[in-house]
Amino acid sequence: MKPFAILFDWDGVVIDSREQHAASWDRLAERKNLPLPDGHFEKGFGMRNESIIPDVLGWATDPAEVAALAFEKEETYRELVREVGIEPLPGVREFLKILKASGIPTAVGSSTPRSNIDCSLEITGIADYFGGIVAAEDVSNGKPDPEVFLNGAKLLGFDPKNCIVLEDAQVGIDAARAGGMHVIGVATTHPAESLKNVDAVVHRLDELSIEKLASIFENR
């Protein structure tokens, strides 16, 4: 079996952050007296704030104003996480233990700001399971551009074709495919049948075994 690495999207794959992210947009909109279009959260899921604010919410187009709103939104998110806590999704801890015991390299590849990831890692205590993090600040182009995953593969020293990406959003799946990687859809945020162009779909990460992961490469 050839060695392979696992690249994790963060929100919706490792942690269940939907409630806190949705509430942070609500809280920020109330503070700033800004409108929230219907369905904005679903439309923007998996995108960077720098795209959500002008393209989904229509709040601002000036880069400095967009950046200020994006920063404040994530500060608000961290406020909420510290207020109410956060947990890994069911099966995540078990899966991470299996990977660590088997010596499978892992990294996070996410559009999430690093400070958010660090905050959640501190609260959940799972930092030692990841060999590195590629976050929003580390890339110039957001998903569906493959930059975040290509950087993750480089960080771990792996050829992209020997990486499996775990993703819950189609924009991230498309990014993984654009980078020449295998991808497993995680049906936490969207229905399993809506996740297209994947090697497999699971509802919980502990449905995956080392054998199942390895078999993906056998079916190239």
N, C-alpha and C. Protein backbone atom coordinates (compact mmCIF):
# COMPACT_ATOMS: atom_id res chain seq x y z
N MET A 1 0.84 -1.20 0.00
CA MET A 1 0.00 0.00 0.00
C MET A 1 0.87 1.25 0.00
N LYS A 2 0.63 2.15 -0.94
CA LYS A 2 1.37 3.40 -0.97
C LYS A 2 0.93 4.27 0.20
N PRO A 3 1.86 5.04 0.78
CA PRO A 3 1.46 5.95 1.86
C PRO A 3 0.53 7.04 1.35
N PHE A 4 -0.36 7.49 2.20
CA PHE A 4 -1.26 8.57 1.83
C PHE A 4 -1.47 9.49 3.02
N ALA A 5 -2.02 10.66 2.75
CA ALA A 5 -2.29 11.65 3.79
C ALA A 5 -3.76 12.06 3.73
N ILE A 6 -4.24 12.56 4.85
CA ILE A 6 -5.64 13.00 4.95
C ILE A 6 -5.65 14.50 5.22
N LEU A 7 -6.41 15.22 4.39
CA LEU A 7 -6.60 16.66 4.57
C LEU A 7 -8.04 16.92 4.99
N PHE A 8 -8.20 17.57 6.11
CA PHE A 8 -9.51 17.83 6.70
C PHE A 8 -9.96 19.26 6.42
N ASP A 9 -11.13 19.42 5.83
CA ASP A 9 -11.81 20.68 5.97
C ASP A 9 -12.16 20.80 7.46
N TRP A 10 -12.49 21.99 7.90
CA TRP A 10 -12.69 22.18 9.35
C TRP A 10 -14.17 22.22 9.72
N ASP A 11 -14.83 23.34 9.40
CA ASP A 11 -16.23 23.50 9.79
C ASP A 11 -17.11 22.51 9.05
N GLY A 12 -17.87 21.72 9.80
CA GLY A 12 -18.75 20.74 9.20
C GLY A 12 -18.11 19.39 8.97
N VAL A 13 -16.80 19.31 9.18
CA VAL A 13 -16.09 18.02 9.06
C VAL A 13 -15.50 17.62 10.40
N VAL A 14 -14.78 18.53 11.03
CA VAL A 14 -14.19 18.25 12.35
C VAL A 14 -15.09 18.73 13.47
N ILE A 15 -15.60 19.93 13.33
CA ILE A 15 -16.48 20.48 14.37
C ILE A 15 -17.82 20.88 13.77
N ASP A 16 -18.83 20.90 14.63
CA ASP A 16 -20.16 21.36 14.23
C ASP A 16 -20.28 22.82 14.64
N SER A 17 -20.02 23.71 13.71
CA SER A 17 -19.96 25.14 14.01
C SER A 17 -21.12 25.92 13.39
N ARG A 18 -22.05 25.22 12.78
CA ARG A 18 -23.13 25.92 12.07
C ARG A 18 -23.88 26.88 12.98
N GLU A 19 -24.26 26.41 14.15
CA GLU A 19 -25.07 27.23 15.06
C GLU A 19 -24.32 28.50 15.46
N GLN A 20 -23.03 28.34 15.80
CA GLN A 20 -22.25 29.49 16.23
C GLN A 20 -21.98 30.46 15.08
N HIS A 21 -21.72 29.92 13.87
CA HIS A 21 -21.49 30.80 12.73
C HIS A 21 -22.77 31.54 12.34
N ALA A 22 -23.88 30.84 12.31
CA ALA A 22 -25.14 31.49 11.96
C ALA A 22 -25.48 32.58 12.98
N ALA A 23 -25.28 32.25 14.26
CA ALA A 23 -25.58 33.23 15.32
C ALA A 23 -24.64 34.43 15.25
N SER A 24 -23.39 34.20 14.81
CA SER A 24 -22.44 35.31 14.74
C SER A 24 -22.83 36.28 13.63
N TRP A 25 -23.34 35.77 12.50
CA TRP A 25 -23.83 36.66 11.44
C TRP A 25 -25.04 37.46 11.97
N ASP A 26 -25.93 36.78 12.70
CA ASP A 26 -27.10 37.46 13.25
C ASP A 26 -26.68 38.57 14.22
N ARG A 27 -25.74 38.26 15.10
CA ARG A 27 -25.30 39.22 16.11
C ARG A 27 -24.61 40.41 15.43
N LEU A 28 -23.78 40.14 14.42
CA LEU A 28 -23.08 41.23 13.74
C LEU A 28 -24.07 42.10 12.97
N ALA A 29 -25.02 41.48 12.30
CA ALA A 29 -26.01 42.24 11.54
C ALA A 29 -26.80 43.16 12.48
N GLU A 30 -27.13 42.65 13.66
CA GLU A 30 -27.88 43.46 14.63
C GLU A 30 -27.02 44.63 15.12
N ARG A 31 -25.75 44.36 15.41
CA ARG A 31 -24.86 45.42 15.87
C ARG A 31 -24.71 46.53 14.84
N LYS A 32 -24.60 46.12 13.57
CA LYS A 32 -24.32 47.07 12.49
C LYS A 32 -25.58 47.56 11.80
N ASN A 33 -26.73 47.04 12.21
CA ASN A 33 -28.01 47.39 11.57
C ASN A 33 -27.95 47.12 10.07
N LEU A 34 -27.50 45.89 9.73
CA LEU A 34 -27.38 45.47 8.34
C LEU A 34 -28.37 44.35 8.04
N PRO A 35 -28.87 44.27 6.81
CA PRO A 35 -29.86 43.24 6.47
C PRO A 35 -29.20 41.89 6.22
N LEU A 36 -29.94 40.82 6.49
CA LEU A 36 -29.49 39.46 6.18
C LEU A 36 -30.47 38.85 5.18
N PRO A 37 -30.04 38.63 3.95
CA PRO A 37 -30.94 38.04 2.95
C PRO A 37 -31.36 36.62 3.34
N ASP A 38 -32.54 36.23 2.94
CA ASP A 38 -33.01 34.86 3.19
C ASP A 38 -32.05 33.86 2.54
N GLY A 39 -31.72 32.82 3.28
CA GLY A 39 -30.88 31.76 2.74
C GLY A 39 -29.42 32.12 2.62
N HIS A 40 -29.01 33.22 3.23
CA HIS A 40 -27.62 33.67 3.08
C HIS A 40 -26.62 32.66 3.63
N PHE A 41 -26.99 32.00 4.73
CA PHE A 41 -26.02 31.10 5.38
C PHE A 41 -25.71 29.90 4.50
N GLU A 42 -26.74 29.33 3.91
CA GLU A 42 -26.54 28.17 3.03
C GLU A 42 -25.77 28.58 1.77
N LYS A 43 -26.09 29.74 1.22
CA LYS A 43 -25.42 30.19 0.01
C LYS A 43 -23.93 30.44 0.25
N GLY A 44 -23.60 30.91 1.43
CA GLY A 44 -22.21 31.27 1.71
C GLY A 44 -21.40 30.19 2.38
N PHE A 45 -22.02 29.04 2.68
CA PHE A 45 -21.31 28.01 3.43
C PHE A 45 -20.11 27.50 2.64
N GLY A 46 -18.95 27.49 3.29
CA GLY A 46 -17.72 27.04 2.65
C GLY A 46 -16.94 28.13 1.94
N MET A 47 -17.56 29.33 1.82
CA MET A 47 -16.88 30.45 1.16
C MET A 47 -16.16 31.31 2.20
N ARG A 48 -15.18 32.08 1.73
CA ARG A 48 -14.50 33.03 2.60
C ARG A 48 -15.40 34.24 2.83
N ASN A 49 -15.23 34.87 4.01
CA ASN A 49 -16.01 36.07 4.32
C ASN A 49 -15.81 37.16 3.28
N GLU A 50 -14.60 37.22 2.72
CA GLU A 50 -14.30 38.25 1.73
C GLU A 50 -15.13 38.09 0.47
N SER A 51 -15.68 36.90 0.25
CA SER A 51 -16.62 36.68 -0.85
C SER A 51 -18.06 36.78 -0.38
N ILE A 52 -18.34 36.28 0.83
CA ILE A 52 -19.70 36.29 1.35
C ILE A 52 -20.22 37.71 1.50
N ILE A 53 -19.41 38.59 2.08
CA ILE A 53 -19.88 39.94 2.42
C ILE A 53 -20.30 40.73 1.18
N PRO A 54 -19.51 40.76 0.11
CA PRO A 54 -19.98 41.50 -1.08
C PRO A 54 -20.94 40.70 -1.97
N ASP A 55 -20.69 39.40 -2.13
CA ASP A 55 -21.41 38.63 -3.15
C ASP A 55 -22.70 37.99 -2.65
N VAL A 56 -22.75 37.61 -1.38
CA VAL A 56 -23.94 36.96 -0.82
C VAL A 56 -24.78 37.94 -0.01
N LEU A 57 -24.11 38.73 0.83
CA LEU A 57 -24.84 39.65 1.71
C LEU A 57 -25.04 41.03 1.09
N GLY A 58 -24.14 41.43 0.21
CA GLY A 58 -24.24 42.76 -0.37
C GLY A 58 -24.00 43.88 0.62
N TRP A 59 -23.20 43.61 1.66
CA TRP A 59 -22.96 44.61 2.70
C TRP A 59 -21.95 45.67 2.30
N ALA A 60 -20.95 45.29 1.53
CA ALA A 60 -19.89 46.22 1.18
C ALA A 60 -19.10 45.66 0.00
N THR A 61 -18.47 46.56 -0.74
CA THR A 61 -17.58 46.14 -1.84
C THR A 61 -16.18 46.73 -1.68
N ASP A 62 -16.05 47.82 -0.93
CA ASP A 62 -14.73 48.40 -0.68
C ASP A 62 -13.87 47.40 0.09
N PRO A 63 -12.69 47.06 -0.41
CA PRO A 63 -11.87 46.02 0.23
C PRO A 63 -11.59 46.27 1.72
N ALA A 64 -11.32 47.51 2.08
CA ALA A 64 -11.03 47.81 3.49
C ALA A 64 -12.27 47.59 4.36
N GLU A 65 -13.43 47.99 3.85
CA GLU A 65 -14.67 47.80 4.61
C GLU A 65 -15.03 46.33 4.71
N VAL A 66 -14.85 45.60 3.61
CA VAL A 66 -15.09 44.15 3.63
C VAL A 66 -14.18 43.47 4.64
N ALA A 67 -12.91 43.83 4.64
CA ALA A 67 -11.95 43.22 5.57
C ALA A 67 -12.33 43.50 7.02
N ALA A 68 -12.76 44.73 7.30
CA ALA A 68 -13.14 45.09 8.67
C ALA A 68 -14.36 44.30 9.13
N LEU A 69 -15.35 44.16 8.25
CA LEU A 69 -16.54 43.39 8.59
C LEU A 69 -16.20 41.90 8.77
N ALA A 70 -15.34 41.38 7.91
CA ALA A 70 -14.94 39.98 8.00
C ALA A 70 -14.23 39.71 9.33
N PHE A 71 -13.35 40.62 9.72
CA PHE A 71 -12.62 40.46 10.99
C PHE A 71 -13.59 40.50 12.17
N GLU A 72 -14.52 41.45 12.15
CA GLU A 72 -15.46 41.58 13.27
C GLU A 72 -16.39 40.37 13.34
N LYS A 73 -16.75 39.83 12.18
CA LYS A 73 -17.61 38.65 12.18
C LYS A 73 -16.92 37.48 12.89
N GLU A 74 -15.64 37.29 12.60
CA GLU A 74 -14.92 36.16 13.22
C GLU A 74 -14.64 36.41 14.70
N GLU A 75 -14.42 37.65 15.08
CA GLU A 75 -14.31 37.96 16.51
C GLU A 75 -15.62 37.62 17.23
N THR A 76 -16.72 37.92 16.58
CA THR A 76 -18.04 37.62 17.15
C THR A 76 -18.22 36.11 17.27
N TYR A 77 -17.78 35.37 16.25
CA TYR A 77 -17.86 33.91 16.29
C TYR A 77 -17.08 33.36 17.48
N ARG A 78 -15.86 33.86 17.69
CA ARG A 78 -15.05 33.36 18.81
C ARG A 78 -15.67 33.71 20.15
N GLU A 79 -16.30 34.87 20.23
CA GLU A 79 -17.04 35.23 21.44
C GLU A 79 -18.08 34.15 21.76
N LEU A 80 -18.83 33.78 20.75
CA LEU A 80 -19.90 32.80 20.93
C LEU A 80 -19.34 31.42 21.30
N VAL A 81 -18.25 31.02 20.65
CA VAL A 81 -17.65 29.72 20.96
C VAL A 81 -17.22 29.67 22.41
N ARG A 82 -16.63 30.76 22.89
CA ARG A 82 -16.19 30.78 24.29
C ARG A 82 -17.37 30.85 25.24
N GLU A 83 -18.47 31.43 24.79
CA GLU A 83 -19.67 31.50 25.63
C GLU A 83 -20.36 30.14 25.75
N VAL A 84 -20.54 29.46 24.62
CA VAL A 84 -21.39 28.26 24.60
C VAL A 84 -20.59 26.97 24.41
N GLY A 85 -19.28 27.09 24.05
CA GLY A 85 -18.47 25.89 23.83
C GLY A 85 -18.64 25.34 22.42
N ILE A 86 -17.86 24.29 22.13
CA ILE A 86 -17.95 23.63 20.84
C ILE A 86 -17.38 22.22 20.97
N GLU A 87 -17.88 21.31 20.18
CA GLU A 87 -17.44 19.91 20.27
C GLU A 87 -17.12 19.36 18.88
N PRO A 88 -16.17 18.41 18.80
CA PRO A 88 -16.00 17.70 17.54
C PRO A 88 -17.28 16.96 17.18
N LEU A 89 -17.49 16.80 15.89
CA LEU A 89 -18.66 16.04 15.44
C LEU A 89 -18.55 14.59 15.90
N PRO A 90 -19.67 13.90 16.03
CA PRO A 90 -19.64 12.49 16.44
C PRO A 90 -18.73 11.66 15.54
N GLY A 91 -17.88 10.86 16.16
CA GLY A 91 -16.98 9.98 15.42
C GLY A 91 -15.63 10.58 15.09
N VAL A 92 -15.48 11.88 15.27
CA VAL A 92 -14.22 12.53 14.89
C VAL A 92 -13.07 12.09 15.79
N ARG A 93 -13.27 12.12 17.10
CA ARG A 93 -12.19 11.73 18.01
C ARG A 93 -11.74 10.29 17.73
N GLU A 94 -12.70 9.41 17.52
CA GLU A 94 -12.38 8.00 17.26
C GLU A 94 -11.57 7.85 15.97
N PHE A 95 -11.98 8.58 14.93
CA PHE A 95 -11.28 8.51 13.65
C PHE A 95 -9.87 9.06 13.76
N LEU A 96 -9.71 10.17 14.46
CA LEU A 96 -8.38 10.76 14.63
C LEU A 96 -7.45 9.81 15.38
N LYS A 97 -7.99 9.10 16.35
CA LYS A 97 -7.17 8.13 17.08
C LYS A 97 -6.70 7.00 16.18
N ILE A 98 -7.59 6.54 15.30
CA ILE A 98 -7.23 5.47 14.35
C ILE A 98 -6.11 5.94 13.42
N LEU A 99 -6.24 7.16 12.90
CA LEU A 99 -5.22 7.69 12.00
C LEU A 99 -3.88 7.84 12.71
N LYS A 100 -3.91 8.35 13.92
CA LYS A 100 -2.66 8.55 14.66
C LYS A 100 -2.00 7.22 14.97
N ALA A 101 -2.79 6.24 15.37
CA ALA A 101 -2.24 4.92 15.70
C ALA A 101 -1.64 4.25 14.47
N SER A 102 -2.17 4.59 13.29
CA SER A 102 -1.69 3.98 12.04
C SER A 102 -0.60 4.80 11.37
N GLY A 103 -0.25 5.94 11.95
CA GLY A 103 0.80 6.77 11.38
C GLY A 103 0.42 7.49 10.11
N ILE A 104 -0.87 7.76 9.91
CA ILE A 104 -1.33 8.47 8.71
C ILE A 104 -1.20 9.97 8.94
N PRO A 105 -0.43 10.67 8.12
CA PRO A 105 -0.27 12.12 8.29
C PRO A 105 -1.59 12.86 8.04
N THR A 106 -1.80 13.92 8.79
CA THR A 106 -3.03 14.69 8.67
C THR A 106 -2.73 16.19 8.71
N ALA A 107 -3.58 16.95 8.05
CA ALA A 107 -3.51 18.41 8.14
C ALA A 107 -4.90 18.97 7.93
N VAL A 108 -5.10 20.19 8.40
CA VAL A 108 -6.34 20.91 8.17
C VAL A 108 -6.15 21.82 6.96
N GLY A 109 -7.14 21.85 6.06
CA GLY A 109 -7.15 22.77 4.93
C GLY A 109 -8.49 23.46 4.90
N SER A 110 -8.53 24.71 5.36
CA SER A 110 -9.83 25.34 5.59
C SER A 110 -9.83 26.81 5.20
N SER A 111 -11.01 27.30 4.81
CA SER A 111 -11.22 28.72 4.56
C SER A 111 -11.43 29.50 5.85
N THR A 112 -11.39 28.79 6.97
CA THR A 112 -11.59 29.40 8.28
C THR A 112 -10.33 30.14 8.73
N PRO A 113 -10.46 31.31 9.35
CA PRO A 113 -9.29 31.99 9.90
C PRO A 113 -8.58 31.12 10.95
N ARG A 114 -7.26 31.22 10.98
CA ARG A 114 -6.47 30.40 11.90
C ARG A 114 -6.88 30.61 13.36
N SER A 115 -7.20 31.84 13.73
CA SER A 115 -7.56 32.11 15.12
C SER A 115 -8.81 31.34 15.52
N ASN A 116 -9.75 31.13 14.59
CA ASN A 116 -10.94 30.33 14.89
C ASN A 116 -10.57 28.87 15.13
N ILE A 117 -9.69 28.35 14.26
CA ILE A 117 -9.27 26.96 14.41
C ILE A 117 -8.53 26.77 15.72
N ASP A 118 -7.62 27.70 16.02
CA ASP A 118 -6.85 27.61 17.27
C ASP A 118 -7.78 27.66 18.48
N CYS A 119 -8.80 28.51 18.42
CA CYS A 119 -9.77 28.62 19.52
C CYS A 119 -10.48 27.30 19.73
N SER A 120 -10.93 26.68 18.65
CA SER A 120 -11.65 25.41 18.76
C SER A 120 -10.73 24.27 19.20
N LEU A 121 -9.49 24.28 18.70
CA LEU A 121 -8.53 23.25 19.13
C LEU A 121 -8.26 23.33 20.62
N GLU A 122 -8.16 24.55 21.12
CA GLU A 122 -7.92 24.75 22.55
C GLU A 122 -9.09 24.20 23.38
N ILE A 123 -10.30 24.48 22.93
CA ILE A 123 -11.49 24.06 23.68
C ILE A 123 -11.69 22.55 23.60
N THR A 124 -11.45 21.96 22.41
CA THR A 124 -11.71 20.53 22.22
C THR A 124 -10.55 19.63 22.62
N GLY A 125 -9.33 20.17 22.65
CA GLY A 125 -8.17 19.39 23.03
C GLY A 125 -7.71 18.37 22.01
N ILE A 126 -7.91 18.65 20.72
CA ILE A 126 -7.53 17.68 19.68
C ILE A 126 -6.37 18.17 18.81
N ALA A 127 -5.66 19.19 19.25
CA ALA A 127 -4.60 19.78 18.44
C ALA A 127 -3.52 18.77 18.07
N ASP A 128 -3.20 17.86 18.97
CA ASP A 128 -2.09 16.93 18.73
C ASP A 128 -2.36 15.92 17.61
N TYR A 129 -3.58 15.86 17.14
CA TYR A 129 -3.91 14.90 16.08
C TYR A 129 -3.61 15.45 14.68
N PHE A 130 -3.26 16.71 14.59
CA PHE A 130 -3.04 17.32 13.27
C PHE A 130 -1.58 17.73 13.10
N GLY A 131 -1.03 17.38 11.93
CA GLY A 131 0.36 17.69 11.66
C GLY A 131 0.60 19.09 11.12
N GLY A 132 -0.45 19.81 10.85
CA GLY A 132 -0.32 21.17 10.36
C GLY A 132 -1.66 21.77 10.01
N ILE A 133 -1.69 23.07 9.78
CA ILE A 133 -2.91 23.79 9.45
C ILE A 133 -2.64 24.75 8.30
N VAL A 134 -3.50 24.71 7.29
CA VAL A 134 -3.53 25.74 6.25
C VAL A 134 -4.88 26.43 6.41
N ALA A 135 -4.84 27.70 6.76
CA ALA A 135 -6.06 28.45 7.06
C ALA A 135 -6.25 29.59 6.05
N ALA A 136 -7.27 30.39 6.29
CA ALA A 136 -7.63 31.45 5.34
C ALA A 136 -6.47 32.38 5.04
N GLU A 137 -5.67 32.70 6.07
CA GLU A 137 -4.56 33.65 5.89
C GLU A 137 -3.43 33.10 5.03
N ASP A 138 -3.43 31.80 4.82
CA ASP A 138 -2.32 31.16 4.13
C ASP A 138 -2.53 31.02 2.63
N VAL A 139 -3.65 31.50 2.13
CA VAL A 139 -3.94 31.37 0.70
C VAL A 139 -4.41 32.70 0.13
N SER A 140 -4.21 32.83 -1.16
CA SER A 140 -4.69 34.02 -1.88
C SER A 140 -6.05 33.79 -2.50
N ASN A 141 -6.36 32.51 -2.79
CA ASN A 141 -7.60 32.18 -3.48
C ASN A 141 -8.41 31.19 -2.65
N GLY A 142 -9.68 31.50 -2.45
CA GLY A 142 -10.55 30.61 -1.71
C GLY A 142 -11.08 29.48 -2.56
N LYS A 143 -11.68 28.47 -1.92
CA LYS A 143 -12.32 27.38 -2.63
C LYS A 143 -13.42 27.97 -3.53
N PRO A 144 -13.62 27.44 -4.74
CA PRO A 144 -13.18 26.16 -5.28
C PRO A 144 -11.77 26.13 -5.87
N ASP A 145 -10.99 27.20 -5.72
CA ASP A 145 -9.59 27.12 -6.10
C ASP A 145 -8.92 26.08 -5.19
N PRO A 146 -8.02 25.25 -5.72
CA PRO A 146 -7.43 24.18 -4.92
C PRO A 146 -6.28 24.60 -4.03
N GLU A 147 -5.95 25.90 -3.99
CA GLU A 147 -4.74 26.34 -3.30
C GLU A 147 -4.63 25.83 -1.86
N VAL A 148 -5.73 25.89 -1.11
CA VAL A 148 -5.66 25.50 0.30
C VAL A 148 -5.25 24.04 0.46
N PHE A 149 -5.77 23.16 -0.41
CA PHE A 149 -5.43 21.74 -0.31
C PHE A 149 -4.05 21.45 -0.90
N LEU A 150 -3.68 22.15 -1.94
CA LEU A 150 -2.34 21.98 -2.49
C LEU A 150 -1.28 22.39 -1.46
N ASN A 151 -1.57 23.46 -0.73
CA ASN A 151 -0.66 23.89 0.33
C ASN A 151 -0.61 22.86 1.46
N GLY A 152 -1.76 22.24 1.75
CA GLY A 152 -1.79 21.21 2.77
C GLY A 152 -0.97 19.99 2.39
N ALA A 153 -1.07 19.59 1.13
CA ALA A 153 -0.28 18.46 0.64
C ALA A 153 1.21 18.79 0.72
N LYS A 154 1.55 19.99 0.32
CA LYS A 154 2.96 20.42 0.37
C LYS A 154 3.46 20.46 1.81
N LEU A 155 2.63 20.93 2.72
CA LEU A 155 2.99 20.99 4.13
C LEU A 155 3.35 19.61 4.68
N LEU A 156 2.61 18.60 4.24
CA LEU A 156 2.85 17.23 4.71
C LEU A 156 3.88 16.49 3.87
N GLY A 157 4.30 17.10 2.76
CA GLY A 157 5.28 16.47 1.89
C GLY A 157 4.72 15.37 1.02
N PHE A 158 3.46 15.51 0.60
CA PHE A 158 2.79 14.49 -0.20
C PHE A 158 2.39 15.03 -1.57
N ASP A 159 2.49 14.16 -2.55
CA ASP A 159 1.94 14.46 -3.87
C ASP A 159 0.42 14.57 -3.72
N PRO A 160 -0.20 15.57 -4.34
CA PRO A 160 -1.66 15.71 -4.24
C PRO A 160 -2.43 14.44 -4.57
N LYS A 161 -1.94 13.65 -5.54
CA LYS A 161 -2.66 12.43 -5.93
C LYS A 161 -2.65 11.38 -4.82
N ASN A 162 -1.80 11.56 -3.82
CA ASN A 162 -1.75 10.64 -2.69
C ASN A 162 -2.41 11.22 -1.44
N CYS A 163 -3.30 12.17 -1.66
CA CYS A 163 -4.04 12.79 -0.56
C CYS A 163 -5.53 12.51 -0.71
N ILE A 164 -6.19 12.34 0.42
CA ILE A 164 -7.66 12.25 0.47
C ILE A 164 -8.16 13.46 1.25
N VAL A 165 -9.05 14.20 0.64
CA VAL A 165 -9.67 15.35 1.29
C VAL A 165 -11.02 14.93 1.86
N LEU A 166 -11.31 15.39 3.06
CA LEU A 166 -12.62 15.17 3.70
C LEU A 166 -13.37 16.49 3.67
N GLU A 167 -14.48 16.52 2.99
CA GLU A 167 -15.21 17.78 2.74
C GLU A 167 -16.71 17.60 2.90
N ASP A 168 -17.37 18.64 3.42
CA ASP A 168 -18.82 18.59 3.56
C ASP A 168 -19.55 19.49 2.58
N ALA A 169 -18.81 20.33 1.85
CA ALA A 169 -19.43 21.30 0.94
C ALA A 169 -18.96 21.07 -0.49
N GLN A 170 -19.87 21.28 -1.45
CA GLN A 170 -19.51 21.03 -2.85
C GLN A 170 -18.38 21.93 -3.32
N VAL A 171 -18.34 23.16 -2.82
CA VAL A 171 -17.26 24.07 -3.22
C VAL A 171 -15.90 23.51 -2.81
N GLY A 172 -15.85 22.84 -1.65
CA GLY A 172 -14.61 22.22 -1.21
C GLY A 172 -14.29 20.95 -1.97
N ILE A 173 -15.33 20.18 -2.29
CA ILE A 173 -15.14 18.98 -3.12
C ILE A 173 -14.56 19.38 -4.47
N ASP A 174 -15.10 20.44 -5.05
CA ASP A 174 -14.61 20.91 -6.34
C ASP A 174 -13.15 21.37 -6.23
N ALA A 175 -12.80 21.99 -5.10
CA ALA A 175 -11.42 22.43 -4.89
C ALA A 175 -10.48 21.23 -4.82
N ALA A 176 -10.89 20.19 -4.11
CA ALA A 176 -10.05 18.98 -4.00
C ALA A 176 -9.84 18.33 -5.36
N ARG A 177 -10.90 18.24 -6.14
CA ARG A 177 -10.80 17.64 -7.47
C ARG A 177 -9.92 18.49 -8.39
N ALA A 178 -10.06 19.80 -8.27
CA ALA A 178 -9.23 20.68 -9.09
C ALA A 178 -7.75 20.52 -8.76
N GLY A 179 -7.46 20.09 -7.53
CA GLY A 179 -6.09 19.87 -7.12
C GLY A 179 -5.59 18.46 -7.40
N GLY A 180 -6.42 17.64 -8.05
CA GLY A 180 -6.02 16.29 -8.41
C GLY A 180 -6.04 15.31 -7.26
N MET A 181 -6.89 15.56 -6.27
CA MET A 181 -6.94 14.73 -5.08
C MET A 181 -8.19 13.87 -5.04
N HIS A 182 -8.12 12.82 -4.24
CA HIS A 182 -9.32 12.05 -3.93
C HIS A 182 -10.12 12.82 -2.88
N VAL A 183 -11.40 12.55 -2.82
CA VAL A 183 -12.23 13.29 -1.86
C VAL A 183 -13.37 12.41 -1.37
N ILE A 184 -13.59 12.48 -0.06
CA ILE A 184 -14.73 11.81 0.58
C ILE A 184 -15.69 12.87 1.07
N GLY A 185 -16.93 12.78 0.64
CA GLY A 185 -17.95 13.70 1.11
C GLY A 185 -18.43 13.32 2.49
N VAL A 186 -18.62 14.32 3.33
CA VAL A 186 -19.11 14.11 4.69
C VAL A 186 -20.48 14.76 4.79
N ALA A 187 -21.52 13.93 4.93
CA ALA A 187 -22.90 14.41 4.85
C ALA A 187 -23.40 14.92 6.20
N THR A 188 -22.74 15.98 6.67
CA THR A 188 -23.17 16.63 7.91
C THR A 188 -23.94 17.90 7.62
N THR A 189 -23.52 18.62 6.60
CA THR A 189 -24.11 19.92 6.27
C THR A 189 -25.15 19.81 5.16
N HIS A 190 -24.88 18.92 4.20
CA HIS A 190 -25.75 18.74 3.05
C HIS A 190 -26.12 17.26 2.92
N PRO A 191 -27.26 16.95 2.30
CA PRO A 191 -27.64 15.54 2.11
C PRO A 191 -26.60 14.79 1.29
N ALA A 192 -26.44 13.51 1.60
CA ALA A 192 -25.43 12.68 0.93
C ALA A 192 -25.60 12.72 -0.59
N GLU A 193 -26.85 12.67 -1.05
CA GLU A 193 -27.09 12.60 -2.50
C GLU A 193 -26.73 13.90 -3.21
N SER A 194 -26.56 14.98 -2.47
CA SER A 194 -26.22 16.26 -3.10
C SER A 194 -24.72 16.45 -3.28
N LEU A 195 -23.91 15.57 -2.69
CA LEU A 195 -22.45 15.70 -2.78
C LEU A 195 -21.97 14.94 -4.02
N LYS A 196 -21.57 15.67 -5.02
CA LYS A 196 -21.23 15.11 -6.32
C LYS A 196 -19.72 15.01 -6.53
N ASN A 197 -19.34 14.05 -7.39
CA ASN A 197 -17.95 13.90 -7.81
C ASN A 197 -17.03 13.53 -6.64
N VAL A 198 -17.50 12.60 -5.81
CA VAL A 198 -16.71 12.13 -4.67
C VAL A 198 -16.39 10.65 -4.83
N ASP A 199 -15.38 10.19 -4.12
CA ASP A 199 -15.03 8.77 -4.12
C ASP A 199 -15.94 7.96 -3.22
N ALA A 200 -16.46 8.60 -2.18
CA ALA A 200 -17.35 7.95 -1.23
C ALA A 200 -18.03 9.04 -0.41
N VAL A 201 -19.10 8.67 0.27
CA VAL A 201 -19.80 9.58 1.18
C VAL A 201 -20.01 8.86 2.50
N VAL A 202 -19.76 9.58 3.60
CA VAL A 202 -20.04 9.05 4.94
C VAL A 202 -20.84 10.08 5.71
N HIS A 203 -21.49 9.63 6.75
CA HIS A 203 -22.21 10.53 7.64
C HIS A 203 -21.39 10.85 8.89
N ARG A 204 -20.52 9.92 9.26
CA ARG A 204 -19.62 10.10 10.40
C ARG A 204 -18.23 9.62 9.98
N LEU A 205 -17.21 10.29 10.49
CA LEU A 205 -15.86 9.91 10.07
C LEU A 205 -15.45 8.53 10.59
N ASP A 206 -16.03 8.10 11.69
CA ASP A 206 -15.64 6.77 12.20
C ASP A 206 -16.27 5.63 11.39
N GLU A 207 -17.01 5.96 10.32
CA GLU A 207 -17.41 4.94 9.35
C GLU A 207 -16.22 4.52 8.49
N LEU A 208 -15.16 5.32 8.52
CA LEU A 208 -13.98 5.05 7.70
C LEU A 208 -12.95 4.25 8.48
N SER A 209 -12.35 3.29 7.81
CA SER A 209 -11.24 2.52 8.37
C SER A 209 -10.02 2.76 7.50
N ILE A 210 -8.86 2.35 7.97
CA ILE A 210 -7.65 2.47 7.16
C ILE A 210 -7.81 1.67 5.86
N GLU A 211 -8.45 0.51 5.94
CA GLU A 211 -8.66 -0.32 4.76
C GLU A 211 -9.56 0.38 3.74
N LYS A 212 -10.62 1.02 4.22
CA LYS A 212 -11.51 1.74 3.30
C LYS A 212 -10.80 2.92 2.64
N LEU A 213 -9.98 3.60 3.41
CA LEU A 213 -9.23 4.72 2.85
C LEU A 213 -8.24 4.23 1.79
N ALA A 214 -7.54 3.17 2.10
CA ALA A 214 -6.55 2.63 1.16
C ALA A 214 -7.20 2.13 -0.12
N SER A 215 -8.42 1.60 0.00
CA SER A 215 -9.09 1.04 -1.18
C SER A 215 -9.42 2.10 -2.21
N ILE A 216 -9.51 3.35 -1.80
CA ILE A 216 -9.78 4.43 -2.74
C ILE A 216 -8.67 4.52 -3.77
N PHE A 217 -7.43 4.29 -3.37
CA PHE A 217 -6.31 4.38 -4.28
C PHE A 217 -6.24 3.15 -5.21
N GLU A 218 -6.79 2.05 -4.75
CA GLU A 218 -6.81 0.85 -5.57
C GLU A 218 -7.80 0.98 -6.72
N ASN A 219 -8.76 1.89 -6.57
CA ASN A 219 -9.81 2.05 -7.57
C ASN A 219 -9.57 3.21 -8.52
N ARG A 220 -8.31 3.64 -8.63
CA ARG A 220 -8.01 4.75 -9.54
C ARG A 220 -8.30 4.38 -10.98
